[in-house]
Amino acid sequence: MLKKFQELLHDYKLEVFRQEHDKKSLEQLTQETMHVTEEILEEKFHYHFHKLPDANRAEIINMINNYTREAVLPPVVEKLVHRQMILEKRLEALVNLMQSLFEALSTESVEQ
């Protein structure tokens, strides 16, 4: 039984490594990441002032807002989404590992 558990754990580690380092998996992960990132960035976020600001202040705030959306936000969102996708793949592999472990345990108990 211990040997079976070690094999399953090894298979899990191999699967996670392949997902993170295999060229085909990386391309697929990058495409998914870019798709989700684009969806997030396409959403329009609005802000409103409680008091009406003067024209100079509103122009400065709009410049900061535009710069943030175009220069700062995309790489940050892309990194976050990429990390989330990797964690989702790891979690999926972990669920498969747990299912395999439970199947091995149930088969062992039936055989005894």
Protein backbone atom coordinates (compact mmCIF):
# COMPACT_ATOMS: atom_id res chain seq x y z
CA MET A 1 0.00 0.00 0.00
CA LEU A 2 2.85 2.37 0.85
CA LYS A 3 4.38 1.68 -2.56
CA LYS A 4 1.06 2.56 -4.24
CA PHE A 5 0.83 5.84 -2.30
CA GLN A 6 4.38 6.74 -3.28
CA GLU A 7 3.59 6.06 -6.94
CA LEU A 8 0.45 8.20 -6.79
CA LEU A 9 2.32 11.05 -5.11
CA HIS A 10 5.08 10.80 -7.71
CA ASP A 11 2.49 10.91 -10.50
CA TYR A 12 0.96 14.02 -8.91
CA LYS A 13 4.33 15.76 -8.77
CA LEU A 14 5.04 14.85 -12.39
CA GLU A 15 1.66 16.17 -13.50
CA VAL A 16 2.17 19.48 -11.69
CA PHE A 17 5.68 19.82 -13.10
CA ARG A 18 4.45 19.13 -16.64
CA GLN A 19 1.64 21.66 -16.31
CA GLU A 20 4.07 24.36 -15.24
CA HIS A 21 7.00 23.55 -17.55
CA ASP A 22 5.72 21.72 -20.63
CA LYS A 23 5.76 23.99 -23.70
CA LYS A 24 2.26 23.02 -24.85
CA SER A 25 0.81 23.43 -21.35
CA LEU A 26 2.54 26.79 -20.96
CA GLU A 27 1.12 28.02 -24.27
CA GLN A 28 -2.38 26.93 -23.25
CA LEU A 29 -1.98 28.51 -19.82
CA THR A 30 -0.74 31.74 -21.40
CA GLN A 31 -3.71 31.85 -23.78
CA GLU A 32 -6.17 31.28 -20.92
CA THR A 33 -4.40 33.92 -18.83
CA MET A 34 -4.49 36.49 -21.62
CA HIS A 35 -8.17 35.77 -22.31
CA VAL A 36 -9.18 36.24 -18.67
CA THR A 37 -6.93 39.31 -18.34
CA GLU A 38 -8.56 40.92 -21.38
CA GLU A 39 -12.02 40.22 -19.95
CA ILE A 40 -11.09 41.84 -16.66
CA LEU A 41 -9.53 44.89 -18.29
CA GLU A 42 -12.48 45.38 -20.65
CA GLU A 43 -14.82 45.91 -17.74
CA LYS A 44 -15.47 49.57 -17.17
CA PHE A 45 -14.90 50.89 -13.70
CA HIS A 46 -16.36 54.28 -12.92
CA TYR A 47 -15.77 56.63 -10.08
CA HIS A 48 -17.75 59.63 -9.11
CA PHE A 49 -16.97 62.65 -7.03
CA HIS A 50 -18.99 63.53 -3.97
CA LYS A 51 -18.28 67.16 -4.65
CA LEU A 52 -17.77 68.50 -8.12
CA PRO A 53 -14.02 69.20 -8.53
CA ASP A 54 -12.59 72.08 -10.49
CA ALA A 55 -11.49 71.41 -14.10
CA ASN A 56 -7.74 71.19 -13.37
CA ARG A 57 -8.20 68.64 -10.63
CA ALA A 58 -10.58 66.53 -12.74
CA GLU A 59 -8.09 66.56 -15.63
CA ILE A 60 -5.25 65.39 -13.36
CA ILE A 61 -7.42 62.63 -11.92
CA ASN A 62 -8.39 61.49 -15.42
CA MET A 63 -4.72 61.46 -16.48
CA ILE A 64 -3.83 59.32 -13.45
CA ASN A 65 -6.78 57.03 -14.14
CA ASN A 66 -5.83 56.57 -17.81
CA TYR A 67 -2.17 55.94 -16.98
CA THR A 68 -3.10 53.38 -14.35
CA ARG A 69 -5.45 51.51 -16.69
CA GLU A 70 -3.06 51.50 -19.64
CA ALA A 71 0.37 51.12 -18.05
CA VAL A 72 0.19 49.84 -14.49
CA LEU A 73 -2.89 47.64 -14.32
CA PRO A 74 -2.39 45.18 -17.25
CA PRO A 75 0.86 43.55 -16.05
CA VAL A 76 -0.40 43.36 -12.47
CA VAL A 77 -3.68 41.75 -13.50
CA GLU A 78 -1.85 39.39 -15.85
CA LYS A 79 0.47 38.20 -13.06
CA LEU A 80 -2.44 37.68 -10.67
CA VAL A 81 -4.49 35.77 -13.23
CA HIS A 82 -1.49 33.65 -14.22
CA ARG A 83 -0.86 32.70 -10.59
CA GLN A 84 -4.54 31.92 -10.10
CA MET A 85 -4.59 29.67 -13.16
CA ILE A 86 -1.52 27.77 -11.94
CA LEU A 87 -3.11 27.27 -8.54
CA GLU A 88 -6.34 26.05 -10.14
CA LYS A 89 -4.38 23.48 -12.17
CA ARG A 90 -2.54 22.34 -9.04
CA LEU A 91 -5.80 22.04 -7.14
CA GLU A 92 -7.30 19.97 -9.94
CA ALA A 93 -4.27 17.66 -9.87
CA LEU A 94 -4.55 17.41 -6.09
CA VAL A 95 -8.22 16.44 -6.34
CA ASN A 96 -7.25 13.71 -8.81
CA LEU A 97 -4.57 12.52 -6.38
CA MET A 98 -7.08 12.36 -3.53
CA GLN A 99 -9.54 10.41 -5.67
CA SER A 100 -6.82 7.94 -6.61
CA LEU A 101 -5.80 7.58 -2.96
CA PHE A 102 -9.39 6.91 -1.87
CA GLU A 103 -9.82 4.39 -4.68
CA ALA A 104 -6.63 2.63 -3.61
CA LEU A 105 -7.81 2.59 0.01
CA SER A 106 -11.23 1.23 -0.92
CA THR A 107 -9.73 -1.47 -3.12
CA GLU A 108 -7.34 -2.44 -0.33
CA SER A 109 -10.16 -2.72 2.21
CA VAL A 110 -12.28 -4.80 -0.21
CA GLU A 111 -9.38 -7.20 -0.83
CA GLN A 112 -8.89 -7.75 2.90
